[in-house]
């Protein structure tokens, strides 16, 4: 088999959920949008449901439909994008709960599905999704007389604990929601780590479940092992890969591994990234190409059959830092060519 292997550790995801849940005294939901951050939303959600998660969040109704098929009836599936045109049948037939973001969405929902549950998303300062304070004031009394199940907002700078935006959004969210007899939610992973003031009634961790920052105690959930296709000796002064961007400073042993940017391995990470064989780092040399990567295995006692790209040595954030991006992009970029394996007890 030549394809690289992506192993998803569902037990690690469950352990991360339990650890984040233990930091609060409220309900802990789970965000499984973007196919569970690239890890497989259905399998992730089923595993977390076994742990006790009863609310899940997705980005769009189509994701909610696929998740309902995987979970079956019972768990609540909330849709961040709200009630968009064309979503009515899915929302009704599959018991999805849209997070209403605007007056237009509120009117669409109440006219099309009177009595159907919905949540409200408020804009507390991020200026991305949700009702702004003036719009919410106009709709608050109407919303509270309907089947409203949740009021939420999203923090813009929760990954930076000392950022003044956190306290500002907390104050605005309280001003917009105090006195409501409905569950409130402000904290995703970063918000959970900010402490109890941000927890309210429901937290909704996302990237922390999958091993990403800012949850530094997270267990790695995604592991990528890449087979070695060929190993060759190169002499000092010889080059490797497109563009002659790497020149051997001395004789070296170079392995060519079976993965590339078509598998979500971002080209920019190459000069700052090593793969691993056991506890030995093997630097990437030359450009990452579509299907192949060169790595320097000169320090090994024998030629490897495979190397570890992502896992215990390289976290999603290690690779993200090398590529100048964030762990979310690493996870959600993992391509379709991997042989996927799931580990769960």
C-alpha atoms as a PDB file:
ATOM      1  CA  UNK A   1       0.000   0.000   0.000  1.00  0.00           C
ATOM      2  CA  UNK A   2       1.408   3.380  -1.032  1.00  0.00           C
ATOM      3  CA  UNK A   3      -1.167   5.817   0.319  1.00  0.00           C
ATOM      4  CA  UNK A   4      -0.372   7.568   3.589  1.00  0.00           C
ATOM      5  CA  UNK A   5      -2.409   6.523   6.621  1.00  0.00           C
ATOM      6  CA  UNK A   6      -4.487   8.933   8.679  1.00  0.00           C
ATOM      7  CA  UNK A   7      -5.385   7.432  12.050  1.00  0.00           C
ATOM      8  CA  UNK A   8      -8.074   9.187  14.081  1.00  0.00           C
ATOM      9  CA  UNK A   9      -7.920   8.392  17.793  1.00  0.00           C
ATOM     10  CA  UNK A  10     -11.533   8.627  18.920  1.00  0.00           C
ATOM     11  CA  UNK A  11     -10.512   7.751  22.476  1.00  0.00           C
ATOM     12  CA  UNK A  12      -8.226  10.801  22.519  1.00  0.00           C
ATOM     13  CA  UNK A  13     -11.067  13.015  21.278  1.00  0.00           C
ATOM     14  CA  UNK A  14     -13.302  11.616  24.013  1.00  0.00           C
ATOM     15  CA  UNK A  15     -10.583  12.209  26.616  1.00  0.00           C
ATOM     16  CA  UNK A  16     -10.194  15.801  25.438  1.00  0.00           C
ATOM     17  CA  UNK A  17     -13.960  16.317  25.713  1.00  0.00           C
ATOM     18  CA  UNK A  18     -13.960  14.920  29.249  1.00  0.00           C
ATOM     19  CA  UNK A  19     -11.016  17.120  30.228  1.00  0.00           C
ATOM     20  CA  UNK A  20     -12.708  20.276  28.928  1.00  0.00           C
ATOM     21  CA  UNK A  21     -15.984  19.249  30.519  1.00  0.00           C
ATOM     22  CA  UNK A  22     -14.195  18.853  33.872  1.00  0.00           C
ATOM     23  CA  UNK A  23     -13.121  22.506  33.713  1.00  0.00           C
ATOM     24  CA  UNK A  24     -16.730  23.680  33.933  1.00  0.00           C
ATOM     25  CA  UNK A  25     -19.830  23.106  36.029  1.00  0.00           C
ATOM     26  CA  UNK A  26     -22.215  23.435  33.092  1.00  0.00           C
ATOM     27  CA  UNK A  27     -23.201  21.382  30.054  1.00  0.00           C
ATOM     28  CA  UNK A  28     -20.502  20.663  27.485  1.00  0.00           C
ATOM     29  CA  UNK A  29     -21.552  20.347  23.851  1.00  0.00           C
ATOM     30  CA  UNK A  30     -19.291  19.583  20.865  1.00  0.00           C
ATOM     31  CA  UNK A  31     -18.573  21.328  17.572  1.00  0.00           C
ATOM     32  CA  UNK A  32     -18.251  18.855  14.691  1.00  0.00           C
ATOM     33  CA  UNK A  33     -18.466  21.203  11.710  1.00  0.00           C
ATOM     34  CA  UNK A  34     -16.232  20.722   8.638  1.00  0.00           C
ATOM     35  CA  UNK A  35     -16.652  16.948   8.958  1.00  0.00           C
ATOM     36  CA  UNK A  36     -15.484  17.002  12.561  1.00  0.00           C
ATOM     37  CA  UNK A  37     -12.509  19.253  11.701  1.00  0.00           C
ATOM     38  CA  UNK A  38     -11.484  16.692   9.114  1.00  0.00           C
ATOM     39  CA  UNK A  39     -11.732  13.759  11.520  1.00  0.00           C
ATOM     40  CA  UNK A  40     -15.138  12.406  10.476  1.00  0.00           C
ATOM     41  CA  UNK A  41     -18.165  14.085  12.053  1.00  0.00           C
ATOM     42  CA  UNK A  42     -20.335  10.992  12.294  1.00  0.00           C
ATOM     43  CA  UNK A  43     -17.780   8.810  14.029  1.00  0.00           C
ATOM     44  CA  UNK A  44     -16.634  11.648  16.307  1.00  0.00           C
ATOM     45  CA  UNK A  45     -20.186  12.551  17.320  1.00  0.00           C
ATOM     46  CA  UNK A  46     -21.166   8.952  18.001  1.00  0.00           C
ATOM     47  CA  UNK A  47     -18.116   8.537  20.250  1.00  0.00           C
ATOM     48  CA  UNK A  48     -18.847  11.773  22.106  1.00  0.00           C
ATOM     49  CA  UNK A  49     -22.490  10.828  22.505  1.00  0.00           C
ATOM     50  CA  UNK A  50     -21.258   7.752  24.369  1.00  0.00           C
ATOM     51  CA  UNK A  51     -19.400  10.132  26.697  1.00  0.00           C
ATOM     52  CA  UNK A  52     -22.571  12.113  27.380  1.00  0.00           C
ATOM     53  CA  UNK A  53     -22.575  14.921  24.815  1.00  0.00           C
ATOM     54  CA  UNK A  54     -26.162  15.748  23.923  1.00  0.00           C
ATOM     55  CA  UNK A  55     -25.733  18.912  21.824  1.00  0.00           C
ATOM     56  CA  UNK A  56     -23.708  19.218  18.656  1.00  0.00           C
ATOM     57  CA  UNK A  57     -22.946  22.190  16.432  1.00  0.00           C
ATOM     58  CA  UNK A  58     -22.399  22.231  12.662  1.00  0.00           C
ATOM     59  CA  UNK A  59     -21.854  25.058  10.183  1.00  0.00           C
ATOM     60  CA  UNK A  60     -24.664  24.485   7.671  1.00  0.00           C
ATOM     61  CA  UNK A  61     -27.884  22.500   7.401  1.00  0.00           C
ATOM     62  CA  UNK A  62     -26.355  20.002   4.964  1.00  0.00           C
ATOM     63  CA  UNK A  63     -23.808  19.064   7.631  1.00  0.00           C
ATOM     64  CA  UNK A  64     -26.655  18.739  10.102  1.00  0.00           C
ATOM     65  CA  UNK A  65     -28.474  16.355   7.773  1.00  0.00           C
ATOM     66  CA  UNK A  66     -25.437  14.082   7.485  1.00  0.00           C
ATOM     67  CA  UNK A  67     -24.926  14.211  11.235  1.00  0.00           C
ATOM     68  CA  UNK A  68     -28.550  13.303  11.961  1.00  0.00           C
ATOM     69  CA  UNK A  69     -28.155  10.264   9.738  1.00  0.00           C
ATOM     70  CA  UNK A  70     -25.106   9.241  11.762  1.00  0.00           C
ATOM     71  CA  UNK A  71     -26.547   9.968  15.209  1.00  0.00           C
ATOM     72  CA  UNK A  72     -30.197   9.087  14.758  1.00  0.00           C
ATOM     73  CA  UNK A  73     -32.937  10.779  16.790  1.00  0.00           C
ATOM     74  CA  UNK A  74     -32.276  12.335  20.162  1.00  0.00           C
ATOM     75  CA  UNK A  75     -29.190  14.546  20.281  1.00  0.00           C
ATOM     76  CA  UNK A  76     -29.716  18.211  19.480  1.00  0.00           C
ATOM     77  CA  UNK A  77     -28.019  19.421  16.298  1.00  0.00           C
ATOM     78  CA  UNK A  78     -27.549  23.177  16.085  1.00  0.00           C
ATOM     79  CA  UNK A  79     -26.757  24.959  12.813  1.00  0.00           C
ATOM     80  CA  UNK A  80     -24.561  28.072  13.086  1.00  0.00           C
ATOM     81  CA  UNK A  81     -25.631  29.502   9.702  1.00  0.00           C
ATOM     82  CA  UNK A  82     -29.253  29.640  10.846  1.00  0.00           C
ATOM     83  CA  UNK A  83     -32.307  29.193   8.641  1.00  0.00           C
ATOM     84  CA  UNK A  84     -31.168  29.846   5.073  1.00  0.00           C
ATOM     85  CA  UNK A  85     -33.370  29.736   1.944  1.00  0.00           C
ATOM     86  CA  UNK A  86     -33.914  26.112   0.970  1.00  0.00           C
ATOM     87  CA  UNK A  87     -33.193  24.769   4.472  1.00  0.00           C
ATOM     88  CA  UNK A  88     -36.775  24.471   5.705  1.00  0.00           C
ATOM     89  CA  UNK A  89     -37.405  20.841   4.808  1.00  0.00           C
ATOM     90  CA  UNK A  90     -34.095  19.667   6.287  1.00  0.00           C
ATOM     91  CA  UNK A  91     -34.639  21.660   9.467  1.00  0.00           C
ATOM     92  CA  UNK A  92     -38.137  20.258   9.885  1.00  0.00           C
ATOM     93  CA  UNK A  93     -37.671  16.669   8.749  1.00  0.00           C
ATOM     94  CA  UNK A  94     -34.380  16.100  10.562  1.00  0.00           C
ATOM     95  CA  UNK A  95     -35.125  18.077  13.724  1.00  0.00           C
ATOM     96  CA  UNK A  96     -32.301  20.567  13.283  1.00  0.00           C
ATOM     97  CA  UNK A  97     -32.085  23.697  15.410  1.00  0.00           C
ATOM     98  CA  UNK A  98     -31.029  26.794  13.448  1.00  0.00           C
ATOM     99  CA  UNK A  99     -29.126  29.567  15.202  1.00  0.00           C
ATOM    100  CA  UNK A 100     -31.049  32.594  13.921  1.00  0.00           C
ATOM    101  CA  UNK A 101     -28.691  35.385  12.861  1.00  0.00           C
ATOM    102  CA  UNK A 102     -30.922  38.154  11.518  1.00  0.00           C
ATOM    103  CA  UNK A 103     -34.414  39.585  11.239  1.00  0.00           C
ATOM    104  CA  UNK A 104     -34.814  37.961   7.824  1.00  0.00           C
ATOM    105  CA  UNK A 105     -33.938  34.558   9.234  1.00  0.00           C
ATOM    106  CA  UNK A 106     -36.308  35.050  12.154  1.00  0.00           C
ATOM    107  CA  UNK A 107     -39.204  35.893   9.832  1.00  0.00           C
ATOM    108  CA  UNK A 108     -38.363  32.978   7.536  1.00  0.00           C
ATOM    109  CA  UNK A 109     -38.272  30.552  10.443  1.00  0.00           C
ATOM    110  CA  UNK A 110     -41.445  31.698  12.195  1.00  0.00           C
ATOM    111  CA  UNK A 111     -43.418  31.784   8.941  1.00  0.00           C
ATOM    112  CA  UNK A 112     -42.187  28.445   7.597  1.00  0.00           C
ATOM    113  CA  UNK A 113     -41.935  26.434  10.814  1.00  0.00           C
ATOM    114  CA  UNK A 114     -44.047  27.979  13.583  1.00  0.00           C
ATOM    115  CA  UNK A 115     -43.310  26.304  16.886  1.00  0.00           C
ATOM    116  CA  UNK A 116     -40.105  24.645  15.666  1.00  0.00           C
ATOM    117  CA  UNK A 117     -37.137  25.115  18.056  1.00  0.00           C
ATOM    118  CA  UNK A 118     -34.484  27.676  17.239  1.00  0.00           C
ATOM    119  CA  UNK A 119     -31.575  29.432  18.878  1.00  0.00           C
ATOM    120  CA  UNK A 120     -30.372  33.001  18.598  1.00  0.00           C
ATOM    121  CA  UNK A 121     -26.848  34.044  17.703  1.00  0.00           C
ATOM    122  CA  UNK A 122     -25.851  37.520  18.877  1.00  0.00           C
ATOM    123  CA  UNK A 123     -23.033  39.696  17.633  1.00  0.00           C
ATOM    124  CA  UNK A 124     -21.184  40.835  20.745  1.00  0.00           C
ATOM    125  CA  UNK A 125     -18.432  42.550  18.757  1.00  0.00           C
ATOM    126  CA  UNK A 126     -16.896  40.054  16.329  1.00  0.00           C
ATOM    127  CA  UNK A 127     -18.919  41.396  13.368  1.00  0.00           C
ATOM    128  CA  UNK A 128     -19.210  38.022  11.710  1.00  0.00           C
ATOM    129  CA  UNK A 129     -22.578  36.380  12.437  1.00  0.00           C
ATOM    130  CA  UNK A 130     -25.474  37.261  14.679  1.00  0.00           C
ATOM    131  CA  UNK A 131     -27.862  40.040  15.584  1.00  0.00           C
ATOM    132  CA  UNK A 132     -26.424  43.344  16.654  1.00  0.00           C
ATOM    133  CA  UNK A 133     -27.755  44.921  19.860  1.00  0.00           C
ATOM    134  CA  UNK A 134     -30.330  47.199  18.195  1.00  0.00           C
ATOM    135  CA  UNK A 135     -31.748  44.356  16.088  1.00  0.00           C
ATOM    136  CA  UNK A 136     -31.905  42.085  19.119  1.00  0.00           C
ATOM    137  CA  UNK A 137     -33.751  44.691  21.168  1.00  0.00           C
ATOM    138  CA  UNK A 138     -36.417  44.839  18.481  1.00  0.00           C
ATOM    139  CA  UNK A 139     -36.813  41.054  18.354  1.00  0.00           C
ATOM    140  CA  UNK A 140     -36.143  39.994  21.925  1.00  0.00           C
ATOM    141  CA  UNK A 141     -39.744  40.017  23.136  1.00  0.00           C
ATOM    142  CA  UNK A 142     -40.935  38.136  20.049  1.00  0.00           C
ATOM    143  CA  UNK A 143     -38.171  35.531  20.372  1.00  0.00           C
ATOM    144  CA  UNK A 144     -38.825  34.869  24.053  1.00  0.00           C
ATOM    145  CA  UNK A 145     -42.452  34.029  23.273  1.00  0.00           C
ATOM    146  CA  UNK A 146     -41.396  31.322  20.820  1.00  0.00           C
ATOM    147  CA  UNK A 147     -39.627  27.954  21.196  1.00  0.00           C
ATOM    148  CA  UNK A 148     -36.163  29.437  21.763  1.00  0.00           C
ATOM    149  CA  UNK A 149     -33.664  26.885  23.108  1.00  0.00           C
ATOM    150  CA  UNK A 150     -30.369  28.808  23.255  1.00  0.00           C
ATOM    151  CA  UNK A 151     -28.792  32.254  23.015  1.00  0.00           C
ATOM    152  CA  UNK A 152     -25.149  32.315  21.990  1.00  0.00           C
ATOM    153  CA  UNK A 153     -22.311  34.520  20.825  1.00  0.00           C
ATOM    154  CA  UNK A 154     -18.708  33.930  19.771  1.00  0.00           C
ATOM    155  CA  UNK A 155     -15.488  35.366  21.171  1.00  0.00           C
ATOM    156  CA  UNK A 156     -13.062  36.940  18.708  1.00  0.00           C
ATOM    157  CA  UNK A 157      -9.868  36.791  20.787  1.00  0.00           C
ATOM    158  CA  UNK A 158     -10.318  33.942  23.247  1.00  0.00           C
ATOM    159  CA  UNK A 159      -6.956  32.452  22.216  1.00  0.00           C
ATOM    160  CA  UNK A 160      -5.343  35.528  23.800  1.00  0.00           C
ATOM    161  CA  UNK A 161      -6.410  35.465  27.470  1.00  0.00           C
ATOM    162  CA  UNK A 162      -5.257  39.019  28.217  1.00  0.00           C
ATOM    163  CA  UNK A 163      -6.859  40.616  25.169  1.00  0.00           C
ATOM    164  CA  UNK A 164      -9.281  43.377  26.242  1.00  0.00           C
ATOM    165  CA  UNK A 165     -11.792  42.213  23.624  1.00  0.00           C
ATOM    166  CA  UNK A 166     -12.669  39.230  25.814  1.00  0.00           C
ATOM    167  CA  UNK A 167     -13.909  41.321  28.719  1.00  0.00           C
ATOM    168  CA  UNK A 168     -15.640  43.706  26.323  1.00  0.00           C
ATOM    169  CA  UNK A 169     -17.579  40.916  24.641  1.00  0.00           C
ATOM    170  CA  UNK A 170     -18.440  39.332  27.967  1.00  0.00           C
ATOM    171  CA  UNK A 171     -19.919  42.627  29.166  1.00  0.00           C
ATOM    172  CA  UNK A 172     -21.917  43.126  25.956  1.00  0.00           C
ATOM    173  CA  UNK A 173     -23.193  39.535  25.966  1.00  0.00           C
ATOM    174  CA  UNK A 174     -24.392  39.928  29.538  1.00  0.00           C
ATOM    175  CA  UNK A 175     -26.092  43.212  28.709  1.00  0.00           C
ATOM    176  CA  UNK A 176     -27.864  41.580  25.774  1.00  0.00           C
ATOM    177  CA  UNK A 177     -28.967  38.443  27.623  1.00  0.00           C
ATOM    178  CA  UNK A 178     -29.336  39.094  31.348  1.00  0.00           C
ATOM    179  CA  UNK A 179     -32.837  38.257  32.521  1.00  0.00           C
ATOM    180  CA  UNK A 180     -33.521  35.662  29.824  1.00  0.00           C
ATOM    181  CA  UNK A 181     -34.941  32.344  30.948  1.00  0.00           C
ATOM    182  CA  UNK A 182     -33.059  30.362  28.316  1.00  0.00           C
ATOM    183  CA  UNK A 183     -29.634  28.663  28.256  1.00  0.00           C
ATOM    184  CA  UNK A 184     -26.730  30.889  27.209  1.00  0.00           C
ATOM    185  CA  UNK A 185     -23.436  29.990  25.518  1.00  0.00           C
ATOM    186  CA  UNK A 186     -20.361  32.149  24.891  1.00  0.00           C
ATOM    187  CA  UNK A 187     -17.348  29.850  25.240  1.00  0.00           C
ATOM    188  CA  UNK A 188     -15.716  27.594  22.678  1.00  0.00           C
ATOM    189  CA  UNK A 189     -12.351  26.005  23.529  1.00  0.00           C
ATOM    190  CA  UNK A 190     -10.563  29.268  24.255  1.00  0.00           C
ATOM    191  CA  UNK A 191     -13.498  30.627  26.217  1.00  0.00           C
ATOM    192  CA  UNK A 192     -13.557  27.560  28.437  1.00  0.00           C
ATOM    193  CA  UNK A 193      -9.933  28.234  29.360  1.00  0.00           C
ATOM    194  CA  UNK A 194     -10.745  31.868  30.221  1.00  0.00           C
ATOM    195  CA  UNK A 195     -12.591  30.678  33.314  1.00  0.00           C
ATOM    196  CA  UNK A 196     -16.069  30.399  34.872  1.00  0.00           C
ATOM    197  CA  UNK A 197     -17.217  33.918  34.001  1.00  0.00           C
ATOM    198  CA  UNK A 198     -17.332  32.848  30.351  1.00  0.00           C
ATOM    199  CA  UNK A 199     -18.996  29.451  30.782  1.00  0.00           C
ATOM    200  CA  UNK A 200     -22.665  30.346  31.328  1.00  0.00           C
ATOM    201  CA  UNK A 201     -24.961  27.318  30.753  1.00  0.00           C
ATOM    202  CA  UNK A 202     -23.373  25.550  27.785  1.00  0.00           C
ATOM    203  CA  UNK A 203     -19.844  25.450  26.397  1.00  0.00           C
ATOM    204  CA  UNK A 204     -19.125  24.262  22.890  1.00  0.00           C
ATOM    205  CA  UNK A 205     -15.502  23.146  22.419  1.00  0.00           C
ATOM    206  CA  UNK A 206     -14.243  22.612  18.904  1.00  0.00           C
ATOM    207  CA  UNK A 207     -10.557  22.569  18.002  1.00  0.00           C
ATOM    208  CA  UNK A 208      -9.503  21.524  21.507  1.00  0.00           C
ATOM    209  CA  UNK A 209     -11.309  18.224  21.012  1.00  0.00           C
ATOM    210  CA  UNK A 210      -9.036  17.444  18.083  1.00  0.00           C
ATOM    211  CA  UNK A 211      -5.711  18.267  19.728  1.00  0.00           C
ATOM    212  CA  UNK A 212      -5.392  21.919  18.777  1.00  0.00           C
ATOM    213  CA  UNK A 213      -4.361  25.102  20.594  1.00  0.00           C
ATOM    214  CA  UNK A 214      -5.122  26.825  22.852  1.00  0.00           C
ATOM    215  CA  UNK A 215      -5.876  23.596  24.770  1.00  0.00           C
ATOM    216  CA  UNK A 216      -2.251  22.697  25.412  1.00  0.00           C
ATOM    217  CA  UNK A 217      -3.153  19.643  27.517  1.00  0.00           C
ATOM    218  CA  UNK A 218      -5.042  18.039  24.645  1.00  0.00           C
ATOM    219  CA  UNK A 219      -4.129  14.562  23.506  1.00  0.00           C
ATOM    220  CA  UNK A 220      -3.257  14.311  19.792  1.00  0.00           C
ATOM    221  CA  UNK A 221      -6.231  13.006  17.862  1.00  0.00           C
ATOM    222  CA  UNK A 222      -4.888  12.791  14.302  1.00  0.00           C
ATOM    223  CA  UNK A 223      -1.836  10.773  13.290  1.00  0.00           C
ATOM    224  CA  UNK A 224      -0.338  10.664   9.789  1.00  0.00           C
ATOM    225  CA  UNK A 225       2.124   7.971   8.735  1.00  0.00           C
ATOM    226  CA  UNK A 226       3.661   8.205   5.265  1.00  0.00           C
ATOM    227  CA  UNK A 227       5.292   5.278   3.414  1.00  0.00           C
ATOM    228  CA  UNK A 228       8.784   5.536   1.975  1.00  0.00           C
ATOM    229  CA  UNK A 229       8.872   4.813  -1.767  1.00  0.00           C
ATOM    230  CA  UNK A 230      12.600   5.038  -2.435  1.00  0.00           C
ATOM    231  CA  UNK A 231      15.886   5.873  -0.669  1.00  0.00           C
ATOM    232  CA  UNK A 232      18.997   7.139  -2.446  1.00  0.00           C
ATOM    233  CA  UNK A 233      22.443   8.511  -1.697  1.00  0.00           C
ATOM    234  CA  UNK A 234      23.287  12.007  -2.871  1.00  0.00           C
ATOM    235  CA  UNK A 235      26.715  13.542  -2.980  1.00  0.00           C
ATOM    236  CA  UNK A 236      27.735  16.928  -1.610  1.00  0.00           C
ATOM    237  CA  UNK A 237      26.634  19.601  -4.046  1.00  0.00           C
ATOM    238  CA  UNK A 238      23.748  17.600  -5.518  1.00  0.00           C
ATOM    239  CA  UNK A 239      20.236  19.038  -5.316  1.00  0.00           C
ATOM    240  CA  UNK A 240      16.849  17.555  -4.390  1.00  0.00           C
ATOM    241  CA  UNK A 241      13.416  18.399  -5.789  1.00  0.00           C
ATOM    242  CA  UNK A 242      11.904  21.069  -7.987  1.00  0.00           C
ATOM    243  CA  UNK A 243      13.810  24.286  -8.432  1.00  0.00           C
ATOM    244  CA  UNK A 244      17.068  22.989  -6.896  1.00  0.00           C
ATOM    245  CA  UNK A 245      16.061  24.696  -3.657  1.00  0.00           C
ATOM    246  CA  UNK A 246      18.082  22.312  -1.437  1.00  0.00           C
ATOM    247  CA  UNK A 247      21.705  21.441  -2.015  1.00  0.00           C
ATOM    248  CA  UNK A 248      23.380  18.693   0.001  1.00  0.00           C
ATOM    249  CA  UNK A 249      26.164  20.252   2.103  1.00  0.00           C
ATOM    250  CA  UNK A 250      27.719  16.798   2.516  1.00  0.00           C
ATOM    251  CA  UNK A 251      26.911  13.241   1.412  1.00  0.00           C
ATOM    252  CA  UNK A 252      23.355  12.394   2.516  1.00  0.00           C
ATOM    253  CA  UNK A 253      20.774   9.620   2.463  1.00  0.00           C
ATOM    254  CA  UNK A 254      17.461  10.914   1.076  1.00  0.00           C
ATOM    255  CA  UNK A 255      14.101   9.146   1.320  1.00  0.00           C
ATOM    256  CA  UNK A 256      11.201  10.013  -0.959  1.00  0.00           C
ATOM    257  CA  UNK A 257       7.868   9.653   0.836  1.00  0.00           C
ATOM    258  CA  UNK A 258       4.409   9.182  -0.676  1.00  0.00           C
ATOM    259  CA  UNK A 259       2.539  12.383   0.180  1.00  0.00           C
ATOM    260  CA  UNK A 260       2.426  16.018  -0.849  1.00  0.00           C
ATOM    261  CA  UNK A 261       0.321  19.126  -1.067  1.00  0.00           C
ATOM    262  CA  UNK A 262      -2.509  17.129  -2.683  1.00  0.00           C
ATOM    263  CA  UNK A 263      -2.811  15.477   0.726  1.00  0.00           C
ATOM    264  CA  UNK A 264      -3.055  18.799   2.578  1.00  0.00           C
ATOM    265  CA  UNK A 265       0.636  19.031   3.433  1.00  0.00           C
ATOM    266  CA  UNK A 266       1.156  22.729   2.897  1.00  0.00           C
ATOM    267  CA  UNK A 267       4.196  23.584   0.722  1.00  0.00           C
ATOM    268  CA  UNK A 268       5.261  26.456   2.956  1.00  0.00           C
ATOM    269  CA  UNK A 269       5.937  24.178   5.924  1.00  0.00           C
ATOM    270  CA  UNK A 270       8.785  22.319   4.187  1.00  0.00           C
ATOM    271  CA  UNK A 271      11.863  24.309   5.243  1.00  0.00           C
ATOM    272  CA  UNK A 272      10.863  24.286   8.930  1.00  0.00           C
ATOM    273  CA  UNK A 273       9.494  20.761   9.295  1.00  0.00           C
ATOM    274  CA  UNK A 274      10.916  17.361  10.156  1.00  0.00           C
ATOM    275  CA  UNK A 275       9.191  14.021   9.967  1.00  0.00           C
ATOM    276  CA  UNK A 276      10.043  11.434  12.584  1.00  0.00           C
ATOM    277  CA  UNK A 277      11.209   7.848  12.722  1.00  0.00           C
ATOM    278  CA  UNK A 278      10.922   6.771  16.313  1.00  0.00           C
ATOM    279  CA  UNK A 279      12.479   9.635  18.258  1.00  0.00           C
ATOM    280  CA  UNK A 280      14.759  10.768  15.431  1.00  0.00           C
ATOM    281  CA  UNK A 281      13.812  13.864  13.413  1.00  0.00           C
ATOM    282  CA  UNK A 282      14.358  13.710   9.664  1.00  0.00           C
ATOM    283  CA  UNK A 283      14.238  17.153   8.026  1.00  0.00           C
ATOM    284  CA  UNK A 284      12.210  17.743   4.881  1.00  0.00           C
ATOM    285  CA  UNK A 285      14.548  18.732   2.046  1.00  0.00           C
ATOM    286  CA  UNK A 286      13.595  20.461  -1.174  1.00  0.00           C
ATOM    287  CA  UNK A 287      10.129  21.535  -2.142  1.00  0.00           C
ATOM    288  CA  UNK A 288       7.016  19.648  -1.121  1.00  0.00           C
ATOM    289  CA  UNK A 289       5.471  18.572  -4.423  1.00  0.00           C
ATOM    290  CA  UNK A 290       1.978  17.327  -5.218  1.00  0.00           C
ATOM    291  CA  UNK A 291       2.588  13.680  -4.324  1.00  0.00           C
ATOM    292  CA  UNK A 292       6.146  13.395  -3.032  1.00  0.00           C
ATOM    293  CA  UNK A 293       8.439  14.813  -0.366  1.00  0.00           C
ATOM    294  CA  UNK A 294      12.167  14.333   0.154  1.00  0.00           C
ATOM    295  CA  UNK A 295      13.459  13.821   3.697  1.00  0.00           C
ATOM    296  CA  UNK A 296      16.983  13.469   5.017  1.00  0.00           C
ATOM    297  CA  UNK A 297      17.329  10.107   6.783  1.00  0.00           C
ATOM    298  CA  UNK A 298      21.121  10.250   7.113  1.00  0.00           C
ATOM    299  CA  UNK A 299      20.974  10.020  10.921  1.00  0.00           C
ATOM    300  CA  UNK A 300      19.115   6.707  10.935  1.00  0.00           C
ATOM    301  CA  UNK A 301      20.811   3.356  11.393  1.00  0.00           C
ATOM    302  CA  UNK A 302      18.669   1.790   8.659  1.00  0.00           C
ATOM    303  CA  UNK A 303      16.298   2.874   5.925  1.00  0.00           C
ATOM    304  CA  UNK A 304      12.750   3.393   7.226  1.00  0.00           C
ATOM    305  CA  UNK A 305       9.612   1.902   5.716  1.00  0.00           C
ATOM    306  CA  UNK A 306       7.463   4.838   6.860  1.00  0.00           C
ATOM    307  CA  UNK A 307       7.749   8.163   8.684  1.00  0.00           C
ATOM    308  CA  UNK A 308       5.488  10.026  11.104  1.00  0.00           C
ATOM    309  CA  UNK A 309       4.343  13.426   9.858  1.00  0.00           C
ATOM    310  CA  UNK A 310       1.613  14.214  12.388  1.00  0.00           C
ATOM    311  CA  UNK A 311       1.154  12.762  15.849  1.00  0.00           C
ATOM    312  CA  UNK A 312       3.096  12.757  19.093  1.00  0.00           C
ATOM    313  CA  UNK A 313       6.137  14.650  17.788  1.00  0.00           C
ATOM    314  CA  UNK A 314       4.460  17.061  15.381  1.00  0.00           C
ATOM    315  CA  UNK A 315       1.152  18.427  16.613  1.00  0.00           C
ATOM    316  CA  UNK A 316      -1.278  20.173  14.277  1.00  0.00           C
ATOM    317  CA  UNK A 317       0.038  23.448  15.694  1.00  0.00           C
ATOM    318  CA  UNK A 318       3.693  22.467  15.139  1.00  0.00           C
ATOM    319  CA  UNK A 319       2.912  21.987  11.470  1.00  0.00           C
ATOM    320  CA  UNK A 320       0.772  25.116  11.410  1.00  0.00           C
ATOM    321  CA  UNK A 321       3.560  27.248  12.847  1.00  0.00           C
ATOM    322  CA  UNK A 322       5.951  25.910  10.212  1.00  0.00           C
ATOM    323  CA  UNK A 323       3.456  26.753   7.463  1.00  0.00           C
ATOM    324  CA  UNK A 324       2.535  30.171   8.845  1.00  0.00           C
ATOM    325  CA  UNK A 325      -1.068  29.186   9.452  1.00  0.00           C
ATOM    326  CA  UNK A 326      -3.264  27.728  12.219  1.00  0.00           C
ATOM    327  CA  UNK A 327      -4.001  24.196  13.378  1.00  0.00           C
ATOM    328  CA  UNK A 328      -7.572  24.415  12.087  1.00  0.00           C
ATOM    329  CA  UNK A 329      -6.254  24.647   8.518  1.00  0.00           C
ATOM    330  CA  UNK A 330      -3.936  21.680   8.965  1.00  0.00           C
ATOM    331  CA  UNK A 331      -6.762  19.467  10.234  1.00  0.00           C
ATOM    332  CA  UNK A 332      -9.359  20.495   7.689  1.00  0.00           C
ATOM    333  CA  UNK A 333      -6.919  20.286   4.767  1.00  0.00           C
ATOM    334  CA  UNK A 334      -6.137  16.594   5.192  1.00  0.00           C
ATOM    335  CA  UNK A 335      -7.023  15.162   1.814  1.00  0.00           C
ATOM    336  CA  UNK A 336      -9.110  12.273   0.535  1.00  0.00           C
ATOM    337  CA  UNK A 337      -6.228   9.979  -0.469  1.00  0.00           C
ATOM    338  CA  UNK A 338      -5.357   8.852   3.033  1.00  0.00           C
ATOM    339  CA  UNK A 339      -6.233   5.389   4.208  1.00  0.00           C
ATOM    340  CA  UNK A 340      -8.358   6.286   7.196  1.00  0.00           C
ATOM    341  CA  UNK A 341      -8.281   4.231  10.342  1.00  0.00           C
ATOM    342  CA  UNK A 342     -10.188   4.842  13.549  1.00  0.00           C
ATOM    343  CA  UNK A 343      -9.034   3.841  16.989  1.00  0.00           C
ATOM    344  CA  UNK A 344     -11.655   3.401  19.701  1.00  0.00           C
ATOM    345  CA  UNK A 345     -12.067   1.017  22.607  1.00  0.00           C
END
